[in-house]
Amino acid sequence: MSRRRRGQGCRWSAAMLSAAVVGITGCGPDPRMSVEQFIELQRRFEEKAPEPEAATPDYSAIDRLLGPYRVGPGDTMTVTFSGTDLPFAPTVTARIDREGHLGLPLVDPIKVAELELEDVDAVVKRAYVPGIVKDLSVHTEVATPETTRVLVVGAVQLPGYTRLRRTERNLVLSVVLAGGVTSDATGRTTLRRLRRPGEEWRFDLTDPQQVRAAMNLEPLENGDMIEVEASPRAVFIGGLVNTPGPLLLDPGVEVNLLQAIAAAGGLRTDITPREGTLIRRMPDGSDAMVKINLDKLAAMQSANLKLAAGDVLWVPHTVETRVQDWINRNIFLRAGATVNYNVSGIEFMNRHELQGGRAGGGGGLEDSFDPFGFLLRNQALQGLGNP
């Protein structure tokens, strides 16, 4: 065969191999955004998100559940009197004492504990009519209820201290007043008593019988802590890593890109992955795809993004890694050699010192086991790794 024919055959083979590799990896426009674009997208969503509101108890709903509120020790009451020739101020504010009595002008302390507000109106009126005044209208309301502060943490909408009125001091209502549970709550809930070290109660709030048991416990006290368990969060790592699969995160634990890759056993070392793809479901339901430059990430020249539950981090094949993989499977494995790609496979083929031979000595792996050596030295093919 003439040298001209051999040259034409080489060019044809190079074109076919290049087309095959590009066909495998795809040649369309890259749908991924940059890290900078993703950070800006996140910022816009955060600006649109409403600020979390402080826990505002829906007392009307609770009153419908528990019945009308009954006053008791510690409640501060506002009493408004209407009538002619009142010998005292028309509005009086007083606190119910430990024995359940309300002290008002010109009359003995009035027992009001465990009464509904309408009944308080009636007993106050009887205390004044007809002994003090002949005609009187009375209206009472709770100005400041006596509250118990308990700490609610874990998978609730508004974790932190929750104030409970005297009639609401049970575990279930504590969770309700903390905004209710989040979507990742398991239902398993633990109560720890501050004033009773070692005392711990566990309930599954998905079981109606255990809900009733929780509501029948002794009233909660200041400082008691309720923890609602959250199911483990997971991020998913796949592609060219040593241990692909889900990474489970305990509640409150955060993980970034480098930590996730390390948890997956690191990148494969027989090839040189240089990019990754982060896929995240955004608040509007769309999926954001972010191109991650792994070389810049390792050199701390790119943002080390924090991952969120449900994120997918994929390290895909590129033209470069597919060429390297082809070299491993079709050349080096046949020769019984192994390669660690601190350099590219193409560079390995052309550097005799990496093959164990002497520089300029000839007769290395390239000459003995590389029937397509002329392709691997082709500059056009080498340039495929950097589109």
Protein backbone atom coordinates (compact mmCIF):
# COMPACT_ATOMS: atom_id res chain seq x y z
CA MET A 1 0.00 0.00 0.00
CA SER A 2 1.38 3.42 -0.88
CA ARG A 3 2.17 6.03 1.73
CA ARG A 4 -0.57 8.23 0.24
CA ARG A 5 -3.17 5.49 0.69
CA ARG A 6 -2.03 4.86 4.26
CA GLY A 7 -2.40 8.58 5.02
CA GLN A 8 -5.92 8.61 3.60
CA GLY A 9 -6.79 5.56 5.70
CA CYS A 10 -5.46 7.24 8.82
CA ARG A 11 -7.52 10.38 8.21
CA TRP A 12 -10.64 8.28 7.56
CA SER A 13 -10.09 6.29 10.77
CA ALA A 14 -9.52 9.48 12.79
CA ALA A 15 -12.71 10.99 11.42
CA MET A 16 -14.73 7.86 12.24
CA LEU A 17 -13.38 7.66 15.81
CA SER A 18 -14.01 11.37 16.36
CA ALA A 19 -17.57 11.09 15.03
CA ALA A 20 -18.25 8.07 17.25
CA VAL A 21 -17.05 9.83 20.38
CA VAL A 22 -18.97 13.02 19.62
CA GLY A 23 -22.06 10.93 18.86
CA ILE A 24 -21.82 9.26 22.26
CA THR A 25 -21.40 12.47 24.22
CA GLY A 26 -23.76 14.63 22.20
CA CYS A 27 -23.09 17.79 20.23
CA GLY A 28 -26.13 19.97 20.98
CA PRO A 29 -26.10 23.18 23.02
CA ASP A 30 -25.30 22.72 26.69
CA PRO A 31 -28.55 23.25 28.69
CA ARG A 32 -26.66 23.84 31.93
CA MET A 33 -26.21 27.22 33.57
CA SER A 34 -23.02 28.45 35.21
CA VAL A 35 -22.48 28.50 38.96
CA GLU A 36 -22.75 32.30 38.92
CA GLN A 37 -26.08 32.16 37.08
CA PHE A 38 -27.37 29.59 39.57
CA ILE A 39 -26.39 31.74 42.57
CA GLU A 40 -28.25 34.68 41.00
CA LEU A 41 -31.30 32.46 40.36
CA GLN A 42 -31.32 31.35 43.97
CA ARG A 43 -31.08 34.95 45.13
CA ARG A 44 -34.14 35.91 43.08
CA PHE A 45 -36.17 33.06 44.57
CA GLU A 46 -35.10 34.06 48.08
CA GLU A 47 -36.19 37.64 47.47
CA LYS A 48 -39.64 36.44 46.39
CA ALA A 49 -40.05 34.05 49.32
CA PRO A 50 -42.18 35.50 52.14
CA GLU A 51 -40.51 36.08 55.46
CA PRO A 52 -41.39 33.41 58.06
CA GLU A 53 -43.99 34.77 60.41
CA ALA A 54 -43.85 34.49 64.17
CA ALA A 55 -46.07 31.85 65.69
CA THR A 56 -49.54 33.38 65.97
CA PRO A 57 -51.86 30.98 67.72
CA ASP A 58 -55.27 30.54 66.13
CA TYR A 59 -57.16 30.73 69.39
CA SER A 60 -60.57 30.55 67.73
CA ALA A 61 -59.74 27.15 66.21
CA ILE A 62 -58.30 25.94 69.50
CA ASP A 63 -61.35 27.17 71.41
CA ARG A 64 -63.56 25.24 69.02
CA LEU A 65 -61.49 22.15 69.75
CA LEU A 66 -61.20 22.56 73.51
CA GLY A 67 -64.34 24.55 74.21
CA PRO A 68 -64.51 28.14 75.56
CA TYR A 69 -61.51 29.34 77.54
CA ARG A 70 -61.75 28.98 81.31
CA VAL A 71 -59.83 31.54 83.33
CA GLY A 72 -57.43 30.59 86.07
CA PRO A 73 -54.53 31.66 88.30
CA GLY A 74 -52.08 34.01 86.61
CA ASP A 75 -54.52 35.37 84.01
CA THR A 76 -54.75 39.15 83.91
CA MET A 77 -58.35 40.30 83.44
CA THR A 78 -59.84 43.54 82.16
CA VAL A 79 -63.26 44.29 83.65
CA THR A 80 -65.40 47.02 82.09
CA PHE A 81 -68.39 48.41 84.06
CA SER A 82 -71.33 50.31 82.56
CA GLY A 83 -73.87 52.08 84.73
CA THR A 84 -74.84 55.39 86.40
CA ASP A 85 -73.12 56.93 89.39
CA LEU A 86 -70.28 54.38 89.51
CA PRO A 87 -68.25 54.82 92.74
CA PHE A 88 -65.11 53.45 90.99
CA ALA A 89 -63.35 53.62 87.63
CA PRO A 90 -65.31 52.12 84.70
CA THR A 91 -62.37 49.91 83.66
CA VAL A 92 -60.32 47.84 86.05
CA THR A 93 -57.41 45.52 85.35
CA ALA A 94 -56.65 42.81 87.89
CA ARG A 95 -54.83 39.49 88.06
CA ILE A 96 -56.29 36.23 89.32
CA ASP A 97 -54.32 35.08 92.35
CA ARG A 98 -53.01 31.58 93.14
CA GLU A 99 -56.28 30.65 94.85
CA GLY A 100 -58.27 31.63 91.78
CA HIS A 101 -59.70 34.90 93.18
CA LEU A 102 -60.10 38.19 91.35
CA GLY A 103 -59.68 41.34 93.46
CA LEU A 104 -61.93 44.27 92.48
CA PRO A 105 -62.77 47.63 94.18
CA LEU A 106 -65.24 47.73 97.10
CA VAL A 107 -65.97 43.99 97.17
CA ASP A 108 -64.36 40.90 98.65
CA PRO A 109 -62.14 38.75 96.34
CA ILE A 110 -64.35 36.93 93.86
CA LYS A 111 -63.77 33.24 93.05
CA VAL A 112 -63.52 32.98 89.24
CA ALA A 113 -61.10 30.10 88.58
CA GLU A 114 -62.29 27.58 85.94
CA LEU A 115 -65.18 29.83 84.85
CA GLU A 116 -65.92 30.81 81.27
CA LEU A 117 -65.94 34.55 80.56
CA GLU A 118 -69.74 34.83 80.50
CA ASP A 119 -69.89 33.21 83.93
CA VAL A 120 -67.19 35.63 85.19
CA ASP A 121 -69.42 38.51 84.03
CA ALA A 122 -72.31 37.09 86.04
CA VAL A 123 -70.44 36.50 89.32
CA VAL A 124 -68.85 39.98 89.18
CA LYS A 125 -72.23 41.58 88.62
CA ARG A 126 -73.74 39.69 91.58
CA ALA A 127 -70.92 40.99 93.78
CA TYR A 128 -71.94 44.62 93.05
CA VAL A 129 -75.70 44.45 92.56
CA PRO A 130 -77.64 45.45 94.57
CA GLY A 131 -75.24 45.97 97.49
CA ILE A 132 -72.98 48.56 95.81
CA VAL A 133 -75.00 49.78 92.83
CA LYS A 134 -78.58 49.19 91.70
CA ASP A 135 -77.92 48.76 87.98
CA LEU A 136 -74.71 47.53 86.33
CA SER A 137 -73.45 45.90 83.14
CA VAL A 138 -70.19 43.94 83.27
CA HIS A 139 -67.90 42.79 80.47
CA THR A 140 -64.71 40.83 81.20
CA GLU A 141 -61.95 39.65 78.92
CA VAL A 142 -58.54 38.09 79.31
CA ALA A 143 -55.98 40.84 78.85
CA THR A 144 -52.93 38.61 79.25
CA PRO A 145 -53.31 34.87 79.74
CA GLU A 146 -50.90 33.05 81.97
CA THR A 147 -48.59 31.17 79.59
CA THR A 148 -46.14 28.31 79.79
CA ARG A 149 -43.11 28.42 77.50
CA VAL A 150 -42.00 25.12 76.00
CA LEU A 151 -39.31 24.48 73.42
CA VAL A 152 -40.47 22.75 70.23
CA VAL A 153 -37.70 21.67 67.84
CA GLY A 154 -37.21 19.39 64.87
CA ALA A 155 -39.59 18.95 61.95
CA VAL A 156 -42.04 21.78 62.74
CA GLN A 157 -42.77 24.91 60.74
CA LEU A 158 -41.78 27.38 63.47
CA PRO A 159 -39.23 25.79 65.80
CA GLY A 160 -38.41 27.62 69.00
CA TYR A 161 -40.18 28.64 72.18
CA THR A 162 -43.96 28.31 72.03
CA ARG A 163 -46.30 29.99 74.53
CA LEU A 164 -49.18 27.89 75.75
CA ARG A 165 -52.21 29.19 77.58
CA ARG A 166 -53.13 27.40 80.75
CA THR A 167 -55.63 25.12 79.00
CA GLU A 168 -53.26 24.25 76.13
CA ARG A 169 -50.35 22.73 78.00
CA ASN A 170 -50.16 19.41 76.18
CA LEU A 171 -47.80 17.95 73.63
CA VAL A 172 -50.15 17.89 70.66
CA LEU A 173 -51.25 21.52 70.95
CA SER A 174 -47.60 22.54 71.40
CA VAL A 175 -46.83 21.08 67.98
CA VAL A 176 -49.94 22.72 66.47
CA LEU A 177 -48.99 26.14 67.88
CA ALA A 178 -45.47 25.70 66.49
CA GLY A 179 -47.00 25.81 63.03
CA GLY A 180 -47.56 22.08 62.66
CA VAL A 181 -45.17 19.49 61.29
CA THR A 182 -43.15 19.77 58.08
CA SER A 183 -43.43 17.42 55.12
CA ASP A 184 -40.39 15.41 56.26
CA ALA A 185 -41.72 14.69 59.76
CA THR A 186 -41.95 11.02 60.67
CA GLY A 187 -44.55 11.58 63.39
CA ARG A 188 -42.26 10.25 66.11
CA THR A 189 -42.16 12.81 68.91
CA THR A 190 -40.22 12.93 72.18
CA LEU A 191 -41.07 14.93 75.31
CA ARG A 192 -38.31 15.71 77.82
CA ARG A 193 -39.20 17.28 81.17
CA LEU A 194 -36.85 20.02 82.39
CA ARG A 195 -37.75 19.61 86.05
CA ARG A 196 -37.70 15.82 85.89
CA PRO A 197 -34.30 14.78 84.55
CA GLY A 198 -34.37 11.38 82.94
CA GLU A 199 -38.12 11.41 82.36
CA GLU A 200 -38.79 10.97 78.65
CA TRP A 201 -41.98 10.19 76.77
CA ARG A 202 -42.15 8.97 73.16
CA PHE A 203 -45.21 9.04 70.94
CA ASP A 204 -46.08 8.37 67.31
CA LEU A 205 -48.47 11.15 66.33
CA THR A 206 -49.62 9.19 63.28
CA ASP A 207 -51.32 6.74 65.68
CA PRO A 208 -54.66 8.12 67.04
CA GLN A 209 -54.36 6.11 70.26
CA GLN A 210 -50.94 7.56 70.97
CA VAL A 211 -52.25 11.05 70.19
CA ARG A 212 -54.90 10.59 72.88
CA ALA A 213 -52.26 9.32 75.31
CA ALA A 214 -50.12 12.40 74.61
CA MET A 215 -53.04 14.74 75.30
CA ASN A 216 -53.76 13.01 78.62
CA LEU A 217 -50.27 13.58 80.05
CA GLU A 218 -49.80 15.92 83.00
CA PRO A 219 -49.73 19.57 81.87
CA LEU A 220 -46.45 20.79 80.43
CA GLU A 221 -44.24 23.09 82.47
CA ASN A 222 -41.90 25.94 81.61
CA GLY A 223 -38.75 24.68 79.89
CA ASP A 224 -40.09 21.30 78.76
CA MET A 225 -38.76 20.30 75.33
CA ILE A 226 -40.61 18.58 72.50
CA GLU A 227 -38.68 17.17 69.56
CA VAL A 228 -40.44 16.12 66.36
CA GLU A 229 -38.28 13.68 64.42
CA ALA A 230 -37.51 14.36 60.77
CA SER A 231 -36.84 11.65 58.23
CA PRO A 232 -33.25 11.59 56.94
CA ARG A 233 -32.62 13.87 53.99
CA ALA A 234 -30.75 12.54 51.00
CA VAL A 235 -28.68 13.85 48.13
CA PHE A 236 -27.85 11.58 45.23
CA ILE A 237 -24.36 11.25 43.76
CA GLY A 238 -23.66 9.30 40.60
CA GLY A 239 -21.55 9.04 37.51
CA LEU A 240 -17.76 8.92 37.59
CA VAL A 241 -17.34 8.51 41.34
CA ASN A 242 -16.11 5.45 43.19
CA THR A 243 -19.21 4.86 45.34
CA PRO A 244 -22.31 6.25 43.64
CA GLY A 245 -25.59 6.28 45.51
CA PRO A 246 -27.68 8.32 47.97
CA LEU A 247 -26.00 10.21 50.80
CA LEU A 248 -28.29 10.35 53.86
CA LEU A 249 -28.05 13.47 56.02
CA ASP A 250 -29.20 13.78 59.60
CA PRO A 251 -31.53 16.72 60.35
CA GLY A 252 -29.59 19.96 60.61
CA VAL A 253 -26.51 18.58 58.83
CA GLU A 254 -25.33 20.46 55.75
CA VAL A 255 -23.04 19.16 53.02
CA ASN A 256 -21.30 20.96 50.17
CA LEU A 257 -20.09 19.77 46.77
CA LEU A 258 -16.60 18.74 47.87
CA GLN A 259 -17.94 16.90 50.93
CA ALA A 260 -20.47 15.03 48.79
CA ILE A 261 -17.79 13.92 46.33
CA ALA A 262 -15.57 12.80 49.21
CA ALA A 263 -18.50 10.87 50.73
CA ALA A 264 -18.92 9.08 47.40
CA GLY A 265 -15.35 7.79 47.60
CA GLY A 266 -13.94 10.55 45.44
CA LEU A 267 -13.68 10.72 41.66
CA ARG A 268 -12.53 7.76 39.61
CA THR A 269 -8.76 7.81 39.21
CA ASP A 270 -8.47 5.70 36.06
CA ILE A 271 -9.81 8.67 34.10
CA THR A 272 -9.87 12.43 34.67
CA PRO A 273 -13.43 13.77 35.20
CA ARG A 274 -13.32 17.54 34.88
CA GLU A 275 -16.96 18.56 35.19
CA GLY A 276 -20.12 17.71 37.07
CA THR A 277 -23.80 18.55 36.86
CA LEU A 278 -25.90 19.66 39.82
CA ILE A 279 -29.66 19.21 39.39
CA ARG A 280 -31.97 20.95 41.85
CA ARG A 281 -35.74 21.26 41.99
CA MET A 282 -36.52 24.97 42.44
CA PRO A 283 -39.45 26.43 44.44
CA ASP A 284 -41.48 26.97 41.26
CA GLY A 285 -41.19 23.29 40.32
CA SER A 286 -38.58 23.75 37.59
CA ASP A 287 -35.27 21.86 37.54
CA ALA A 288 -32.06 23.89 37.50
CA MET A 289 -29.05 22.20 35.88
CA VAL A 290 -25.70 23.67 36.88
CA LYS A 291 -22.34 22.99 35.26
CA ILE A 292 -19.63 22.43 37.87
CA ASN A 293 -15.97 22.80 36.87
CA LEU A 294 -14.35 20.17 39.09
CA ASP A 295 -10.81 21.45 38.51
CA LYS A 296 -11.78 24.95 39.66
CA LEU A 297 -13.80 23.51 42.53
CA ALA A 298 -10.83 21.49 43.80
CA ALA A 299 -8.62 24.58 43.52
CA MET A 300 -11.24 26.63 45.43
CA GLN A 301 -11.65 28.89 42.41
CA SER A 302 -15.36 28.15 42.13
CA ALA A 303 -18.15 28.40 44.71
CA ASN A 304 -18.41 25.26 46.85
CA LEU A 305 -22.22 25.18 46.77
CA LYS A 306 -24.22 23.75 49.65
CA LEU A 307 -26.48 20.89 48.64
CA ALA A 308 -30.15 20.64 49.53
CA ALA A 309 -32.29 17.59 50.15
CA GLY A 310 -33.18 15.91 46.86
CA ASP A 311 -30.24 17.37 44.93
CA VAL A 312 -28.58 15.19 42.31
CA LEU A 313 -24.86 15.57 41.69
CA TRP A 314 -23.84 13.74 38.54
CA VAL A 315 -20.29 13.46 37.21
CA PRO A 316 -20.84 12.64 33.53
CA HIS A 317 -18.61 11.25 30.84
CA THR A 318 -17.01 13.77 28.52
CA VAL A 319 -15.16 13.24 25.25
CA GLU A 320 -11.90 13.20 27.19
CA THR A 321 -13.04 10.58 29.71
CA ARG A 322 -14.54 8.37 27.00
CA VAL A 323 -11.28 8.43 25.06
CA GLN A 324 -9.39 7.60 28.24
CA ASP A 325 -11.84 4.82 29.05
CA TRP A 326 -11.46 3.42 25.53
CA ILE A 327 -7.68 3.45 25.91
CA ASN A 328 -7.93 1.58 29.22
CA ARG A 329 -10.27 -1.08 27.90
CA ASN A 330 -8.76 -1.61 24.48
CA ILE A 331 -5.06 -0.96 24.98
CA PHE A 332 -3.74 -0.98 28.53
CA LEU A 333 -5.89 -3.83 29.80
CA ARG A 334 -4.71 -5.97 26.90
CA ALA A 335 -1.15 -5.16 27.83
CA GLY A 336 -1.75 -6.04 31.47
CA ALA A 337 -0.96 -2.49 32.57
CA THR A 338 -2.92 -0.14 34.84
CA VAL A 339 -3.08 3.61 34.60
CA ASN A 340 -3.75 6.34 37.15
CA TYR A 341 -4.78 9.44 35.23
CA ASN A 342 -2.89 12.18 36.92
CA VAL A 343 -2.13 12.90 33.27
CA SER A 344 -4.33 12.18 30.30
CA GLY A 345 -4.23 8.83 28.53
CA ILE A 346 -2.91 10.52 25.42
CA GLU A 347 -0.05 12.09 27.36
CA PHE A 348 0.69 8.70 28.95
CA MET A 349 1.01 7.17 25.50
CA ASN A 350 3.56 9.75 24.45
CA ARG A 351 5.70 9.96 27.62
CA HIS A 352 8.05 7.00 27.85
CA GLU A 353 9.08 7.78 31.41
CA LEU A 354 5.47 7.12 32.54
CA GLN A 355 5.54 3.75 30.80
CA GLY A 356 8.68 2.59 32.58
CA GLY A 357 10.83 2.94 29.45
CA ARG A 358 13.75 5.27 28.88
CA ALA A 359 13.22 8.55 27.13
CA GLY A 360 14.20 8.14 23.54
CA GLY A 361 14.63 4.39 24.00
CA GLY A 362 11.68 3.44 21.77
CA GLY A 363 9.78 0.16 21.90
CA GLY A 364 7.29 1.30 24.58
CA LEU A 365 3.60 0.46 24.94
CA GLU A 366 2.75 2.93 22.24
CA ASP A 367 4.80 1.05 19.67
CA SER A 368 3.84 -2.46 20.80
CA PHE A 369 0.14 -2.26 21.70
CA ASP A 370 -1.31 0.87 20.07
CA PRO A 371 -2.56 0.10 16.59
CA PHE A 372 -4.19 3.56 16.53
CA GLY A 373 -1.21 5.51 17.84
CA PHE A 374 -1.39 7.84 14.88
CA LEU A 375 -4.95 8.73 15.96
CA LEU A 376 -4.05 9.41 19.55
CA ARG A 377 -1.32 11.78 18.49
CA ASN A 378 -3.69 13.61 16.21
CA GLN A 379 -4.12 17.18 17.48
CA ALA A 380 -7.72 17.39 16.33
CA LEU A 381 -8.67 14.41 18.52
CA GLN A 382 -6.79 15.81 21.49
CA GLY A 383 -8.73 19.04 21.09
CA LEU A 384 -12.08 17.23 21.48
CA GLY A 385 -11.66 17.25 25.25
CA ASN A 386 -11.90 21.04 25.28
CA PRO A 387 -14.86 22.09 23.14
